[in-house]
PDB file of N, CA and C in Angstrom:
ATOM      1  N   UNK A   1     113.955  70.185  35.903  1.00  0.00           N
ATOM      2  CA  UNK A   1     113.704  69.989  34.502  1.00  0.00           C
ATOM      3  C   UNK A   1     112.755  68.800  34.335  1.00  0.00           C
ATOM      4  N   UNK A   2     111.877  68.895  33.383  1.00  0.00           N
ATOM      5  CA  UNK A   2     110.909  67.844  33.106  1.00  0.00           C
ATOM      6  C   UNK A   2     111.314  67.100  31.841  1.00  0.00           C
ATOM      7  N   UNK A   3     111.168  65.798  31.870  1.00  0.00           N
ATOM      8  CA  UNK A   3     111.435  64.970  30.701  1.00  0.00           C
ATOM      9  C   UNK A   3     110.155  64.263  30.315  1.00  0.00           C
ATOM     10  N   UNK A   4     109.880  64.196  29.031  1.00  0.00           N
ATOM     11  CA  UNK A   4     108.691  63.506  28.537  1.00  0.00           C
ATOM     12  C   UNK A   4     109.082  62.150  27.981  1.00  0.00           C
ATOM     13  N   UNK A   5     108.249  61.165  28.257  1.00  0.00           N
ATOM     14  CA  UNK A   5     108.422  59.823  27.720  1.00  0.00           C
ATOM     15  C   UNK A   5     107.153  59.432  26.981  1.00  0.00           C
ATOM     16  N   UNK A   6     107.301  58.572  26.017  1.00  0.00           N
ATOM     17  CA  UNK A   6     106.159  58.003  25.315  1.00  0.00           C
ATOM     18  C   UNK A   6     106.058  56.544  25.722  1.00  0.00           C
ATOM     19  N   UNK A   7     104.857  56.132  26.098  1.00  0.00           N
ATOM     20  CA  UNK A   7     104.630  54.759  26.530  1.00  0.00           C
ATOM     21  C   UNK A   7     103.698  54.089  25.540  1.00  0.00           C
ATOM     22  N   UNK A   8     104.087  52.908  25.082  1.00  0.00           N
ATOM     23  CA  UNK A   8     103.243  52.131  24.189  1.00  0.00           C
ATOM     24  C   UNK A   8     102.692  50.963  25.002  1.00  0.00           C
ATOM     25  N   UNK A   9     101.355  50.858  25.056  1.00  0.00           N
ATOM     26  CA  UNK A   9     100.698  49.828  25.858  1.00  0.00           C
ATOM     27  C   UNK A   9      99.934  48.862  24.963  1.00  0.00           C
ATOM     28  N   UNK A  10      99.849  47.641  25.419  1.00  0.00           N
ATOM     29  CA  UNK A  10      98.985  46.671  24.753  1.00  0.00           C
ATOM     30  C   UNK A  10      97.536  47.047  25.045  1.00  0.00           C
ATOM     31  N   UNK A  11      96.625  46.507  24.267  1.00  0.00           N
ATOM     32  CA  UNK A  11      95.201  46.860  24.401  1.00  0.00           C
ATOM     33  C   UNK A  11      94.681  46.641  25.817  1.00  0.00           C
ATOM     34  N   UNK A  12      95.042  45.527  26.422  1.00  0.00           N
ATOM     35  CA  UNK A  12      94.568  45.237  27.772  1.00  0.00           C
ATOM     36  C   UNK A  12      95.071  46.246  28.791  1.00  0.00           C
ATOM     37  N   UNK A  13      96.321  46.651  28.653  1.00  0.00           N
ATOM     38  CA  UNK A  13      96.880  47.650  29.555  1.00  0.00           C
ATOM     39  C   UNK A  13      96.186  48.987  29.348  1.00  0.00           C
ATOM     40  N   UNK A  14      95.938  49.347  28.094  1.00  0.00           N
ATOM     41  CA  UNK A  14      95.264  50.614  27.796  1.00  0.00           C
ATOM     42  C   UNK A  14      93.860  50.629  28.393  1.00  0.00           C
ATOM     43  N   UNK A  15      93.149  49.512  28.292  1.00  0.00           N
ATOM     44  CA  UNK A  15      91.806  49.434  28.888  1.00  0.00           C
ATOM     45  C   UNK A  15      91.869  49.583  30.401  1.00  0.00           C
ATOM     46  N   UNK A  16      92.861  48.963  31.017  1.00  0.00           N
ATOM     47  CA  UNK A  16      93.006  49.064  32.465  1.00  0.00           C
ATOM     48  C   UNK A  16      93.299  50.508  32.882  1.00  0.00           C
ATOM     49  N   UNK A  17      94.127  51.196  32.113  1.00  0.00           N
ATOM     50  CA  UNK A  17      94.437  52.593  32.395  1.00  0.00           C
ATOM     51  C   UNK A  17      93.192  53.448  32.242  1.00  0.00           C
ATOM     52  N   UNK A  18      92.430  53.225  31.193  1.00  0.00           N
ATOM     53  CA  UNK A  18      91.185  53.965  30.972  1.00  0.00           C
ATOM     54  C   UNK A  18      90.204  53.734  32.117  1.00  0.00           C
ATOM     55  N   UNK A  19      90.094  52.474  32.553  1.00  0.00           N
ATOM     56  CA  UNK A  19      89.185  52.132  33.640  1.00  0.00           C
ATOM     57  C   UNK A  19      89.582  52.850  34.932  1.00  0.00           C
ATOM     58  N   UNK A  20      90.877  52.854  35.249  1.00  0.00           N
ATOM     59  CA  UNK A  20      91.343  53.533  36.452  1.00  0.00           C
ATOM     60  C   UNK A  20      91.095  55.036  36.369  1.00  0.00           C
ATOM     61  N   UNK A  21      91.317  55.606  35.208  1.00  0.00           N
ATOM     62  CA  UNK A  21      91.084  57.045  35.026  1.00  0.00           C
ATOM     63  C   UNK A  21      89.621  57.382  35.269  1.00  0.00           C
ATOM     64  N   UNK A  22      88.721  56.582  34.708  1.00  0.00           N
ATOM     65  CA  UNK A  22      87.286  56.825  34.916  1.00  0.00           C
ATOM     66  C   UNK A  22      86.912  56.632  36.376  1.00  0.00           C
ATOM     67  N   UNK A  23      87.405  55.565  36.977  1.00  0.00           N
ATOM     68  CA  UNK A  23      87.055  55.249  38.363  1.00  0.00           C
ATOM     69  C   UNK A  23      87.449  56.367  39.319  1.00  0.00           C
ATOM     70  N   UNK A  24      88.612  56.953  39.102  1.00  0.00           N
ATOM     71  CA  UNK A  24      89.117  57.960  40.035  1.00  0.00           C
ATOM     72  C   UNK A  24      88.969  59.391  39.534  1.00  0.00           C
ATOM     73  N   UNK A  25      88.362  59.557  38.356  1.00  0.00           N
ATOM     74  CA  UNK A  25      88.108  60.893  37.839  1.00  0.00           C
ATOM     75  C   UNK A  25      89.370  61.674  37.533  1.00  0.00           C
ATOM     76  N   UNK A  26      90.384  60.980  37.041  1.00  0.00           N
ATOM     77  CA  UNK A  26      91.640  61.633  36.673  1.00  0.00           C
ATOM     78  C   UNK A  26      91.956  61.290  35.219  1.00  0.00           C
ATOM     79  N   UNK A  27      92.959  61.944  34.687  1.00  0.00           N
ATOM     80  CA  UNK A  27      93.323  61.683  33.287  1.00  0.00           C
ATOM     81  C   UNK A  27      94.117  60.390  33.176  1.00  0.00           C
ATOM     82  N   UNK A  28      94.138  59.850  31.976  1.00  0.00           N
ATOM     83  CA  UNK A  28      94.947  58.660  31.713  1.00  0.00           C
ATOM     84  C   UNK A  28      96.425  58.973  31.935  1.00  0.00           C
ATOM     85  N   UNK A  29      96.823  60.176  31.583  1.00  0.00           N
ATOM     86  CA  UNK A  29      98.214  60.596  31.805  1.00  0.00           C
ATOM     87  C   UNK A  29      98.561  60.534  33.291  1.00  0.00           C
ATOM     88  N   UNK A  30      97.645  60.988  34.138  1.00  0.00           N
ATOM     89  CA  UNK A  30      97.882  60.951  35.585  1.00  0.00           C
ATOM     90  C   UNK A  30      97.945  59.517  36.091  1.00  0.00           C
ATOM     91  N   UNK A  31      97.106  58.643  35.547  1.00  0.00           N
ATOM     92  CA  UNK A  31      97.157  57.221  35.936  1.00  0.00           C
ATOM     93  C   UNK A  31      98.535  56.653  35.626  1.00  0.00           C
ATOM     94  N   UNK A  32      99.020  56.891  34.415  1.00  0.00           N
ATOM     95  CA  UNK A  32     100.325  56.360  34.018  1.00  0.00           C
ATOM     96  C   UNK A  32     101.420  56.939  34.911  1.00  0.00           C
ATOM     97  N   UNK A  33     101.345  58.222  35.196  1.00  0.00           N
ATOM     98  CA  UNK A  33     102.334  58.870  36.062  1.00  0.00           C
ATOM     99  C   UNK A  33     102.358  58.202  37.436  1.00  0.00           C
ATOM    100  N   UNK A  34     101.178  57.971  38.002  1.00  0.00           N
ATOM    101  CA  UNK A  34     101.105  57.351  39.328  1.00  0.00           C
ATOM    102  C   UNK A  34     101.600  55.915  39.294  1.00  0.00           C
ATOM    103  N   UNK A  35     101.284  55.181  38.229  1.00  0.00           N
ATOM    104  CA  UNK A  35     101.767  53.807  38.119  1.00  0.00           C
ATOM    105  C   UNK A  35     103.283  53.752  38.040  1.00  0.00           C
ATOM    106  N   UNK A  36     103.876  54.681  37.316  1.00  0.00           N
ATOM    107  CA  UNK A  36     105.335  54.738  37.232  1.00  0.00           C
ATOM    108  C   UNK A  36     105.919  55.061  38.608  1.00  0.00           C
ATOM    109  N   UNK A  37     105.335  56.024  39.301  1.00  0.00           N
ATOM    110  CA  UNK A  37     105.829  56.392  40.633  1.00  0.00           C
ATOM    111  C   UNK A  37     105.777  55.205  41.595  1.00  0.00           C
ATOM    112  N   UNK A  38     104.656  54.496  41.600  1.00  0.00           N
ATOM    113  CA  UNK A  38     104.500  53.341  42.491  1.00  0.00           C
ATOM    114  C   UNK A  38     105.494  52.244  42.109  1.00  0.00           C
ATOM    115  N   UNK A  39     105.655  52.027  40.814  1.00  0.00           N
ATOM    116  CA  UNK A  39     106.607  51.018  40.354  1.00  0.00           C
ATOM    117  C   UNK A  39     108.035  51.354  40.750  1.00  0.00           C
ATOM    118  N   UNK A  40     108.421  52.612  40.614  1.00  0.00           N
ATOM    119  CA  UNK A  40     109.768  53.021  40.995  1.00  0.00           C
ATOM    120  C   UNK A  40     109.980  52.910  42.497  1.00  0.00           C
ATOM    121  N   UNK A  41     108.956  53.254  43.273  1.00  0.00           N
ATOM    122  CA  UNK A  41     109.053  53.088  44.731  1.00  0.00           C
ATOM    123  C   UNK A  41     109.247  51.620  45.083  1.00  0.00           C
ATOM    124  N   UNK A  42     108.549  50.736  44.404  1.00  0.00           N
ATOM    125  CA  UNK A  42     108.668  49.305  44.654  1.00  0.00           C
ATOM    126  C   UNK A  42     110.074  48.823  44.325  1.00  0.00           C
ATOM    127  N   UNK A  43     110.615  49.286  43.220  1.00  0.00           N
ATOM    128  CA  UNK A  43     111.984  48.902  42.846  1.00  0.00           C
ATOM    129  C   UNK A  43     112.970  49.391  43.895  1.00  0.00           C
ATOM    130  N   UNK A  44     112.793  50.633  44.352  1.00  0.00           N
ATOM    131  CA  UNK A  44     113.676  51.177  45.381  1.00  0.00           C
ATOM    132  C   UNK A  44     113.627  50.332  46.654  1.00  0.00           C
ATOM    133  N   UNK A  45     112.425  49.934  47.050  1.00  0.00           N
ATOM    134  CA  UNK A  45     112.274  49.133  48.268  1.00  0.00           C
ATOM    135  C   UNK A  45     112.934  47.776  48.124  1.00  0.00           C
ATOM    136  N   UNK A  46     112.885  47.192  46.964  1.00  0.00           N
ATOM    137  CA  UNK A  46     113.459  45.869  46.738  1.00  0.00           C
ATOM    138  C   UNK A  46     114.978  45.896  46.652  1.00  0.00           C
ATOM    139  N   UNK A  47     115.551  47.042  46.318  1.00  0.00           N
ATOM    140  CA  UNK A  47     117.012  47.116  46.161  1.00  0.00           C
ATOM    141  C   UNK A  47     117.726  47.588  47.417  1.00  0.00           C
ATOM    142  N   UNK A  48     116.953  47.905  48.459  1.00  0.00           N
ATOM    143  CA  UNK A  48     117.574  48.382  49.703  1.00  0.00           C
ATOM    144  C   UNK A  48     117.954  47.220  50.580  1.00  0.00           C
TER     145      UNK A  48
END
């Protein structure tokens, strides 16, 4: 099952997401998805 979340970003964060999307030729949605995945992996590593 898929769950949708809404993320509210400050202007600087939004610009950084836009920049990453342009740099890698992916959507902003994909950038946010990857950032969440990396962040969750980092949390998992720190709690082990």
